[in-house]
Structures are given as structure tokens and as C-alpha cells.
Amino acid sequence: MSESSLPNGASVVVIGAGVTGLSAAWWLARDGYDVVVLDKGIVGWEASGRNGGGCSHYQSPLFVEEQRLWPQMDEMLGYPTEHLPERIILQRDPHLLDHYRTVGQMCSAMGYRVDDLDSKQAQEMVPLTDETCLGGIHLRFGGHANPQRTVQAYAWALQDLGGRIFQHCPAQSIETVGGRVTAVHTPRGPISCDALVVAAGPQMGMLLEPLGVNFPLASARAEMIVTEPAPMMAIGGVDGNGLYGRQTMRGNLAFGGGPHEWIDMEPSGPAARPVSPLARNLARRVAEMFPKAAHLNVIRSWAGVIENTPDGRPIIDRLNHPANVTVATLSGVGFGLSPASGHAIRDLVVDGVCSFAEISKLGLARFATLEPDWREQRGWAG
């Protein structure tokens, strides 16, 4: 994947080979831009390749574009993402069931079909549950995809268009002249650029601070568990009991969900931890949601690090200073929104404005008066 010799320059340098950075790079390369992606590790190594794979973010201004693009992504990229349509949300709590039925009504009003399910219908559609499930909703949109396959698809598609990815090549500092970024410094030397995209996940604040940009983030470990294969369900994307996830094409149940384990972050990434205290909690909740799969063994677990903004919403913005820098953090929802976020970032880099949605509410300026100790106030400190 990586080349041994870093080029002297590129039209656009993207810092971060997670799903957001790779999608942005791919959209730019589609328009003929010479793009170089830098990453401290390998593609999709953090939360981009280690998440529930959901593609149903109805509360985002990028939602409509997300839904338009996902069914086309295998064809557009030329590689499989394993995208499958539709999703089910189950509930064992009557108050949450009412809440999600209200969400379903909201989505239906937007033109996206949602069907209410009673307990019997839910059990028929999700045969791994039982009568403890009170019901749910069936989203006739969205769906899920394989995070590892999708990240690799973006990377290969980018390279097919001439884009270059340099793994194990961290951005160490960003050079500016006259209010614009002119180069990114790495252990392999500097690389000049006409425009810079920073999609570096939890490291974004550290990279941008020397430029006078306050980029508020709190890092958390997001745990996932995977079970032995279960009988295949007709719709493998199922949420509920505080969980998100999917059934893989082999039948494994891959699920995650809070609470987050707040951690401190270094420029090189998080400290390694072979065991997380959250795995047992996740296993219990998966067994509660799928009682007929409660006998299955957990065969592996993993954690990806996600960066959280103070209000939990993404930041996608083109900065005023330095003027040629576009920043993006998706605050834990990057995978599903990646087709649309990459398109939006491409628009900001090339045109200065998003062509398909009003995304000003995702701008960095909303945190201009944020308290310096906001993490401590929220109990988000590692």
C-alpha cells in the first residue's frame, strides 16, 4: 500500500487514512486532483475498521446524500463493501419503544418508509429474539456494510485513480506561509501541497493547535465483540438494548455500544490495552437482545478509538485561517456517513461550499465560546 519515497508535493494532502479521509481523497481523485494520504498507522486501523457498520444516520444533514450513495458504492468504487439494505431497531423498554416509533414517524414524514413492529412481528423478522422484545421499527432504508471491506475498497479505488497512500508516515507538523499551508512535515521529509484536508481522528487537536486552531475533542475507546456464527437472519442490521451492529455474511454477531471508556491521547495514538472492562457488559446485552443466541461464545473483541466533539455532532468545515485547510471529524458516525462526508469535503476543498446540503451547523465556529475545562465538566476526562 505504501510507497517508499514520499513525493515532493501534491495538489491535496489528506492527513488520516480512516474512512473519512479515504473517502475525501477518493472524491478528489475522481475529479483529477493529485492526492496523497498520510497516516501514522495503516488504513482503517482505528474506529473506521472497527465499528457496527450502520448506514442510517437520519439525524444528519448528510443523511439524504448518504442514502442516495450507499446502494451505488460497490459499483462506484469497483470493490465490494458488502452493503445490505434495511435495518431493524428492537426494544425491550416501553418508553424507548415509543421514542423510536416517534423517530419512525419523523423518517416517514421525510419520505423514508418505516414500519412499526409488534412483538410477534419483531420475533418473525429477528428470530434470535423472543417474547421479551416488545416490538420495534423496520427501517426500509439505510442498512449496513462491512467496515474492513469498505475501508479497503476506498483505498484500492483511490489508488486506481492515481492517489497515493503512505502508511506508517505520520504528519508531525504543518508549515504555513502567508496564511496558507504550504507543506506537511513527516519522518520521510516534507511534502508541499496546494490544499490540506485534516481528518486525523483523535490527533486532530494536536495537529491544529500550533496553527492557532482550537479543535475540541475527547477520545474514547469504542468496544466491539464478535460471536460464533448464528443462523442467518433475513435482515442482519439490528439495533437495540443500547447496542449497534450487524450479522456478518458468515453469521457472526458483531456488536458494540456504550458506555465509552474515556482515554488520554498521545500524538502516536492510544496506549495499547489487551483487555477492556466493557466486553463482558456487551456480551450480556447481546444475550439479552438475542436470547436464542445466548449460548454462543464470544470469539474475539476489539476496540477502536473515536473522537467526540462536545455536542456529539460532526465538524466539517473549511477554515478561514489557514485559508486552504478543510477539517473533518465525524464524532463517532464516520463510517456510515463516509460516502456523503467525502463528497462534502471534496466540495469544500474545490468550491468552498457543499453543493448538496446545508452544513453550516457542522462548522467549528459553534465552539468559539466553549469553556476550557469542558471535558472535566462533562466527566469525559481520561
Protein backbone atom coordinates (compact mmCIF):
# COMPACT_ATOMS: atom_id res chain seq x y z
CA MET A 1 0.00 0.00 0.00
CA SER A 2 2.72 2.49 0.96
CA GLU A 3 5.39 3.74 -1.39
CA SER A 4 8.95 4.01 -0.14
CA SER A 5 9.66 7.52 -1.38
CA LEU A 6 7.41 10.44 -0.42
CA PRO A 7 6.80 12.81 -3.35
CA ASN A 8 7.88 16.44 -3.11
CA GLY A 9 4.33 17.66 -3.39
CA ALA A 10 0.70 17.03 -4.31
CA SER A 11 -2.37 19.07 -5.15
CA VAL A 12 -4.07 17.89 -1.97
CA VAL A 13 -2.58 16.20 1.08
CA VAL A 14 -5.01 14.32 3.33
CA ILE A 15 -3.90 13.57 6.88
CA GLY A 16 -5.67 10.44 8.08
CA ALA A 17 -6.38 7.16 6.27
CA GLY A 18 -9.57 6.44 8.15
CA VAL A 19 -12.82 6.11 6.27
CA THR A 20 -13.46 9.88 6.17
CA GLY A 21 -10.00 10.78 4.86
CA LEU A 22 -10.03 7.98 2.31
CA SER A 23 -13.48 8.90 1.03
CA ALA A 24 -12.49 12.57 0.70
CA ALA A 25 -9.31 11.57 -1.14
CA TRP A 26 -11.28 9.30 -3.47
CA TRP A 27 -13.80 12.05 -4.30
CA LEU A 28 -10.95 14.47 -5.05
CA ALA A 29 -9.08 11.93 -7.18
CA ARG A 30 -12.28 11.32 -9.18
CA ASP A 31 -12.02 14.96 -10.26
CA GLY A 32 -8.43 14.53 -11.36
CA TYR A 33 -6.65 16.00 -8.34
CA ASP A 34 -3.27 14.60 -7.37
CA VAL A 35 -3.92 13.32 -3.83
CA VAL A 36 -1.55 11.95 -1.19
CA VAL A 37 -2.89 10.39 2.03
CA LEU A 38 -0.68 10.18 5.13
CA ASP A 39 -1.34 8.02 8.17
CA LYS A 40 0.55 7.23 11.36
CA GLY A 41 -0.51 3.57 11.06
CA ILE A 42 -2.39 1.66 8.39
CA VAL A 43 -5.68 2.30 6.63
CA GLY A 44 -8.76 1.99 8.79
CA TRP A 45 -6.78 0.88 11.83
CA GLU A 46 -8.85 2.70 14.44
CA ALA A 47 -12.64 3.02 14.61
CA SER A 48 -13.04 3.19 10.80
CA GLY A 49 -12.43 -0.54 10.52
CA ARG A 50 -13.86 -1.45 13.93
CA ASN A 51 -17.46 -0.37 14.18
CA GLY A 52 -21.01 -1.61 13.74
CA GLY A 53 -21.20 -0.82 10.03
CA GLY A 54 -24.51 1.07 10.20
CA CYS A 55 -25.61 3.35 7.33
CA SER A 56 -28.78 5.01 8.67
CA HIS A 57 -27.97 8.45 10.11
CA TYR A 58 -31.37 10.11 9.83
CA GLN A 59 -30.42 13.00 12.16
CA SER A 60 -27.57 14.29 9.98
CA PRO A 61 -27.75 16.99 7.28
CA LEU A 62 -25.75 14.49 5.19
CA PHE A 63 -28.49 11.85 5.52
CA VAL A 64 -30.14 12.26 2.12
CA GLU A 65 -26.82 12.01 0.30
CA GLU A 66 -25.80 9.05 2.48
CA GLN A 67 -28.96 7.21 1.44
CA ARG A 68 -28.54 8.12 -2.24
CA LEU A 69 -24.97 6.88 -2.40
CA TRP A 70 -24.74 3.68 -0.35
CA PRO A 71 -26.65 1.46 -2.81
CA GLN A 72 -24.23 2.62 -5.53
CA MET A 73 -20.94 2.34 -3.66
CA ASP A 74 -19.88 -1.13 -4.82
CA GLU A 75 -20.29 -0.06 -8.43
CA MET A 76 -18.71 3.37 -7.95
CA LEU A 77 -15.69 2.04 -6.08
CA GLY A 78 -15.30 -1.12 -8.13
CA TYR A 79 -14.80 -3.21 -4.99
CA PRO A 80 -17.25 -4.83 -2.55
CA THR A 81 -18.40 -3.10 0.61
CA GLU A 82 -20.91 -5.86 1.44
CA HIS A 83 -23.61 -3.23 1.77
CA LEU A 84 -27.03 -4.71 2.54
CA PRO A 85 -30.23 -2.64 2.76
CA GLU A 86 -32.71 -2.02 5.58
CA ARG A 87 -32.40 -2.08 9.34
CA ILE A 88 -34.43 -3.07 12.41
CA ILE A 89 -34.46 -1.41 15.83
CA LEU A 90 -35.77 -3.64 18.66
CA GLN A 91 -36.80 -2.54 22.12
CA ARG A 92 -37.40 -4.24 25.46
CA ASP A 93 -38.23 -0.93 27.18
CA PRO A 94 -41.73 0.51 26.51
CA HIS A 95 -40.57 4.12 26.81
CA LEU A 96 -37.76 3.59 24.30
CA LEU A 97 -40.16 1.76 22.01
CA ASP A 98 -42.40 4.83 22.00
CA HIS A 99 -39.37 7.02 21.32
CA TYR A 100 -38.26 5.01 18.31
CA ARG A 101 -41.76 4.87 16.91
CA THR A 102 -41.71 8.66 17.02
CA VAL A 103 -38.37 8.55 15.19
CA GLY A 104 -40.00 6.28 12.61
CA GLN A 105 -42.80 8.79 12.10
CA MET A 106 -40.20 11.53 11.58
CA CYS A 107 -38.40 9.46 8.95
CA SER A 108 -41.68 8.61 7.22
CA ALA A 109 -42.51 12.32 7.06
CA MET A 110 -39.16 12.81 5.25
CA GLY A 111 -40.22 10.26 2.64
CA TYR A 112 -38.36 7.23 4.03
CA ARG A 113 -40.62 4.31 4.83
CA VAL A 114 -40.62 2.93 8.37
CA ASP A 115 -42.94 0.15 9.58
CA ASP A 116 -43.93 -0.37 13.22
CA LEU A 117 -43.44 -3.92 14.52
CA ASP A 118 -45.30 -5.54 17.38
CA SER A 119 -43.67 -8.28 19.44
CA LYS A 120 -44.81 -11.11 17.18
CA GLN A 121 -43.72 -9.35 14.01
CA ALA A 122 -40.35 -8.49 15.56
CA GLN A 123 -39.78 -12.13 16.52
CA GLU A 124 -40.67 -13.25 12.99
CA MET A 125 -38.22 -10.81 11.44
CA VAL A 126 -35.48 -11.32 14.06
CA PRO A 127 -35.79 -14.99 15.02
CA LEU A 128 -32.92 -14.76 17.52
CA THR A 129 -35.07 -12.66 19.87
CA ASP A 130 -38.07 -13.81 21.95
CA GLU A 131 -41.17 -12.51 23.74
CA THR A 132 -39.05 -10.18 25.91
CA CYS A 133 -38.86 -7.99 22.81
CA LEU A 134 -41.87 -5.67 22.95
CA GLY A 135 -41.60 -4.61 19.33
CA GLY A 136 -39.60 -2.23 17.20
CA ILE A 137 -39.40 -0.44 13.89
CA HIS A 138 -38.31 -1.63 10.47
CA LEU A 139 -36.33 0.94 8.50
CA ARG A 140 -36.85 0.34 4.79
CA PHE A 141 -33.75 2.44 4.11
CA GLY A 142 -30.18 2.54 5.37
CA GLY A 143 -28.66 -0.82 6.07
CA HIS A 144 -25.13 -1.86 6.91
CA ALA A 145 -21.78 -2.68 5.32
CA ASN A 146 -18.54 -4.39 6.28
CA PRO A 147 -16.17 -1.76 7.74
CA GLN A 148 -12.97 -3.62 6.86
CA ARG A 149 -14.10 -4.33 3.30
CA THR A 150 -15.30 -0.75 2.84
CA VAL A 151 -12.09 0.89 4.04
CA GLN A 152 -10.08 -1.36 1.73
CA ALA A 153 -12.45 -0.57 -1.15
CA TYR A 154 -11.90 3.17 -0.70
CA ALA A 155 -8.13 2.66 -0.58
CA TRP A 156 -7.98 0.48 -3.69
CA ALA A 157 -10.36 2.73 -5.62
CA LEU A 158 -8.27 5.77 -4.70
CA GLN A 159 -5.10 4.08 -5.90
CA ASP A 160 -6.81 3.05 -9.14
CA LEU A 161 -7.31 6.78 -9.78
CA GLY A 162 -3.64 7.56 -9.12
CA GLY A 163 -3.96 8.55 -5.47
CA ARG A 164 -1.14 7.52 -3.17
CA ILE A 165 -1.32 6.31 0.42
CA PHE A 166 1.64 6.40 2.78
CA GLN A 167 1.16 4.22 5.83
CA HIS A 168 3.37 4.48 8.94
CA CYS A 169 4.06 8.06 7.84
CA PRO A 170 2.63 10.41 10.47
CA ALA A 171 2.16 14.12 9.95
CA GLN A 172 4.48 15.71 12.51
CA SER A 173 3.84 19.39 11.82
CA ILE A 174 2.15 21.69 9.34
CA GLU A 175 4.04 24.57 7.72
CA THR A 176 2.30 27.82 6.81
CA VAL A 177 3.36 30.88 4.82
CA GLY A 178 1.21 33.97 4.35
CA GLY A 179 -1.86 32.48 5.98
CA ARG A 180 -1.86 29.30 3.92
CA VAL A 181 -0.50 25.81 4.47
CA THR A 182 2.43 25.13 2.21
CA ALA A 183 3.75 21.76 3.43
CA VAL A 184 3.31 18.89 5.85
CA HIS A 185 6.38 17.54 7.61
CA THR A 186 6.77 13.79 8.13
CA PRO A 187 9.59 11.43 9.19
CA ARG A 188 10.18 10.83 5.48
CA GLY A 189 10.56 14.53 4.76
CA PRO A 190 8.23 17.39 3.84
CA ILE A 191 5.52 17.27 1.22
CA SER A 192 4.18 20.51 -0.23
CA CYS A 193 0.51 20.98 -1.11
CA ASP A 194 -1.98 23.42 -2.56
CA ALA A 195 -4.70 22.32 -0.13
CA LEU A 196 -4.79 20.28 3.06
CA VAL A 197 -7.51 18.04 4.49
CA VAL A 198 -7.12 17.10 8.16
CA ALA A 199 -9.16 14.01 9.02
CA ALA A 200 -6.79 12.63 11.63
CA GLY A 201 -9.30 11.47 14.20
CA PRO A 202 -8.22 11.87 17.83
CA GLN A 203 -4.93 13.54 16.80
CA MET A 204 -6.64 16.49 15.09
CA GLY A 205 -6.47 18.89 18.02
CA MET A 206 -2.74 18.29 18.48
CA LEU A 207 -2.02 18.91 14.80
CA LEU A 208 -4.14 22.05 14.54
CA GLU A 209 -3.20 23.74 17.82
CA PRO A 210 0.16 25.08 16.53
CA LEU A 211 -1.81 26.81 13.76
CA GLY A 212 -3.88 28.68 16.34
CA VAL A 213 -6.93 26.48 15.75
CA ASN A 214 -8.80 25.25 18.83
CA PHE A 215 -10.33 21.91 17.86
CA PRO A 216 -12.15 20.43 20.89
CA LEU A 217 -12.23 16.63 21.08
CA ALA A 218 -12.40 13.93 23.72
CA SER A 219 -11.08 10.47 22.87
CA ALA A 220 -12.86 7.27 23.83
CA ARG A 221 -12.35 3.58 23.27
CA ALA A 222 -15.33 2.01 21.45
CA GLU A 223 -15.51 -1.71 22.12
CA MET A 224 -16.94 -4.38 19.79
CA ILE A 225 -17.47 -8.10 20.33
CA VAL A 226 -17.96 -10.89 17.80
CA THR A 227 -19.70 -14.20 18.48
CA GLU A 228 -19.63 -17.57 16.83
CA PRO A 229 -21.86 -17.76 13.74
CA ALA A 230 -25.62 -17.83 14.34
CA PRO A 231 -28.35 -18.86 11.88
CA MET A 232 -28.64 -16.21 9.21
CA MET A 233 -31.35 -13.62 9.64
CA ALA A 234 -33.15 -12.08 6.67
CA ILE A 235 -32.10 -8.60 7.82
CA GLY A 236 -28.76 -8.61 9.60
CA GLY A 237 -28.65 -4.98 10.67
CA VAL A 238 -30.28 -4.85 14.11
CA ASP A 239 -30.01 -2.22 16.86
CA GLY A 240 -31.43 -2.27 20.38
CA ASN A 241 -30.65 -2.65 24.08
CA GLY A 242 -28.12 0.16 23.78
CA LEU A 243 -26.29 -1.75 21.03
CA TYR A 244 -25.47 -1.21 17.39
CA GLY A 245 -24.10 -3.77 14.98
CA ARG A 246 -24.80 -6.37 12.36
CA GLN A 247 -24.71 -10.01 11.47
CA THR A 248 -21.77 -10.73 9.19
CA MET A 249 -22.06 -12.70 5.98
CA ARG A 250 -20.71 -15.73 7.91
CA GLY A 251 -23.41 -15.36 10.55
CA ASN A 252 -21.29 -13.86 13.34
CA LEU A 253 -22.96 -11.27 15.56
CA ALA A 254 -20.72 -8.17 15.69
CA PHE A 255 -21.99 -5.61 18.20
CA GLY A 256 -20.84 -2.64 20.21
CA GLY A 257 -22.29 0.13 22.32
CA GLY A 258 -21.51 2.43 25.22
CA PRO A 259 -20.55 3.34 27.79
CA HIS A 260 -17.38 4.83 26.38
CA GLU A 261 -14.07 4.35 28.12
CA TRP A 262 -12.57 7.83 28.08
CA ILE A 263 -8.83 7.83 27.43
CA ASP A 264 -5.99 10.29 27.01
CA MET A 265 -4.39 10.57 23.62
CA GLU A 266 -0.77 10.96 22.52
CA PRO A 267 0.47 12.00 19.06
CA SER A 268 1.36 8.38 18.35
CA GLY A 269 -2.10 7.14 19.37
CA PRO A 270 -3.56 5.47 22.44
CA ALA A 271 -1.71 3.21 24.82
CA ALA A 272 -2.37 -0.45 23.99
CA ARG A 273 -4.76 -2.35 26.24
CA PRO A 274 -5.26 -6.05 25.60
CA VAL A 275 -8.46 -6.27 27.67
CA SER A 276 -11.31 -3.80 28.14
CA PRO A 277 -13.78 -3.93 31.04
CA LEU A 278 -16.62 -3.30 28.58
CA ALA A 279 -16.54 -6.68 26.80
CA ARG A 280 -18.48 -8.55 29.49
CA ASN A 281 -21.12 -5.81 29.61
CA LEU A 282 -21.54 -6.01 25.83
CA ALA A 283 -21.84 -9.81 25.89
CA ARG A 284 -24.63 -9.60 28.48
CA ARG A 285 -26.60 -7.09 26.46
CA VAL A 286 -26.20 -9.07 23.21
CA ALA A 287 -27.54 -12.14 25.04
CA GLU A 288 -30.50 -10.09 26.32
CA MET A 289 -31.34 -8.80 22.85
CA PHE A 290 -30.85 -12.20 21.18
CA PRO A 291 -31.87 -14.79 23.84
CA LYS A 292 -31.83 -17.61 21.29
CA ALA A 293 -28.17 -16.87 20.61
CA ALA A 294 -27.17 -16.52 24.28
CA HIS A 295 -25.30 -19.83 24.16
CA LEU A 296 -22.85 -18.60 21.54
CA ASN A 297 -19.25 -17.97 22.56
CA VAL A 298 -17.61 -14.60 22.08
CA ILE A 299 -14.69 -15.42 19.82
CA ARG A 300 -12.98 -12.02 19.67
CA SER A 301 -13.26 -8.41 20.68
CA TRP A 302 -11.53 -5.24 19.65
CA ALA A 303 -11.60 -1.53 20.33
CA GLY A 304 -11.32 1.42 18.00
CA VAL A 305 -10.67 4.94 19.25
CA ILE A 306 -13.28 7.54 18.36
CA GLU A 307 -13.06 11.28 18.77
CA ASN A 308 -16.08 13.01 20.30
CA THR A 309 -16.97 16.65 19.85
CA PRO A 310 -18.57 18.47 22.80
CA ASP A 311 -22.07 18.25 21.31
CA GLY A 312 -21.60 14.84 19.70
CA ARG A 313 -22.11 16.18 16.18
CA PRO A 314 -19.55 16.14 13.36
CA ILE A 315 -17.30 19.03 12.43
CA ILE A 316 -16.86 19.54 8.69
CA ASP A 317 -15.51 22.96 7.83
CA ARG A 318 -13.15 24.90 5.63
CA LEU A 319 -11.11 27.21 7.81
CA ASN A 320 -10.66 30.92 7.24
CA HIS A 321 -7.13 30.73 8.58
CA PRO A 322 -5.19 28.92 7.25
CA ALA A 323 -7.36 29.51 4.21
CA ASN A 324 -6.61 26.30 2.32
CA VAL A 325 -7.38 23.83 5.14
CA THR A 326 -10.51 21.69 5.42
CA VAL A 327 -11.11 19.82 8.67
CA ALA A 328 -13.38 16.88 9.36
CA THR A 329 -14.25 14.77 12.35
CA LEU A 330 -17.44 12.74 12.31
CA SER A 331 -17.63 12.23 16.09
CA GLY A 332 -18.33 8.51 16.07
CA VAL A 333 -20.61 8.29 13.00
CA GLY A 334 -17.94 8.46 10.31
CA PHE A 335 -18.38 5.06 8.74
CA GLY A 336 -21.99 5.29 7.64
CA LEU A 337 -21.75 8.91 6.54
CA SER A 338 -18.48 8.40 4.66
CA PRO A 339 -19.87 8.46 1.10
CA ALA A 340 -21.59 11.78 1.83
CA SER A 341 -18.89 13.30 4.05
CA GLY A 342 -16.23 12.61 1.44
CA HIS A 343 -18.40 14.35 -1.15
CA ALA A 344 -18.90 17.32 1.18
CA ILE A 345 -15.17 17.61 1.89
CA ARG A 346 -14.43 17.49 -1.83
CA ASP A 347 -16.87 20.37 -2.34
CA LEU A 348 -15.29 22.46 0.43
CA VAL A 349 -11.78 21.91 -0.90
CA VAL A 350 -12.66 22.67 -4.52
CA ASP A 351 -15.61 25.08 -4.32
CA GLY A 352 -15.61 26.34 -0.74
CA VAL A 353 -19.23 25.27 -0.17
CA CYS A 354 -21.13 21.99 -0.01
CA SER A 355 -23.22 21.51 -3.17
CA PHE A 356 -25.90 19.14 -1.87
CA ALA A 357 -26.68 20.09 1.74
CA GLU A 358 -26.62 23.00 4.16
CA ILE A 359 -23.83 22.03 6.56
CA SER A 360 -23.07 25.34 8.28
CA LYS A 361 -24.37 23.84 11.54
CA LEU A 362 -21.38 21.47 11.38
CA GLY A 363 -18.90 24.37 11.42
CA LEU A 364 -16.16 24.78 14.01
CA ALA A 365 -17.35 28.28 14.97
CA ARG A 366 -20.12 26.85 17.17
CA PHE A 367 -17.47 26.09 19.79
CA ALA A 368 -15.96 29.59 19.86
CA THR A 369 -17.09 30.21 23.47
CA LEU A 370 -16.53 26.69 24.79
CA GLU A 371 -15.19 26.52 28.33
CA PRO A 372 -11.53 25.36 28.51
CA ASP A 373 -12.43 22.66 31.05
CA TRP A 374 -15.40 21.33 29.09
CA ARG A 375 -14.14 17.72 29.29
CA GLU A 376 -13.93 17.82 33.07
CA GLN A 377 -17.38 19.43 33.31
CA ARG A 378 -18.88 16.56 31.33
CA GLY A 379 -16.89 13.86 33.09
CA TRP A 380 -15.15 12.97 29.82
CA ALA A 381 -11.57 13.11 31.07
CA GLY A 382 -9.40 10.02 30.75
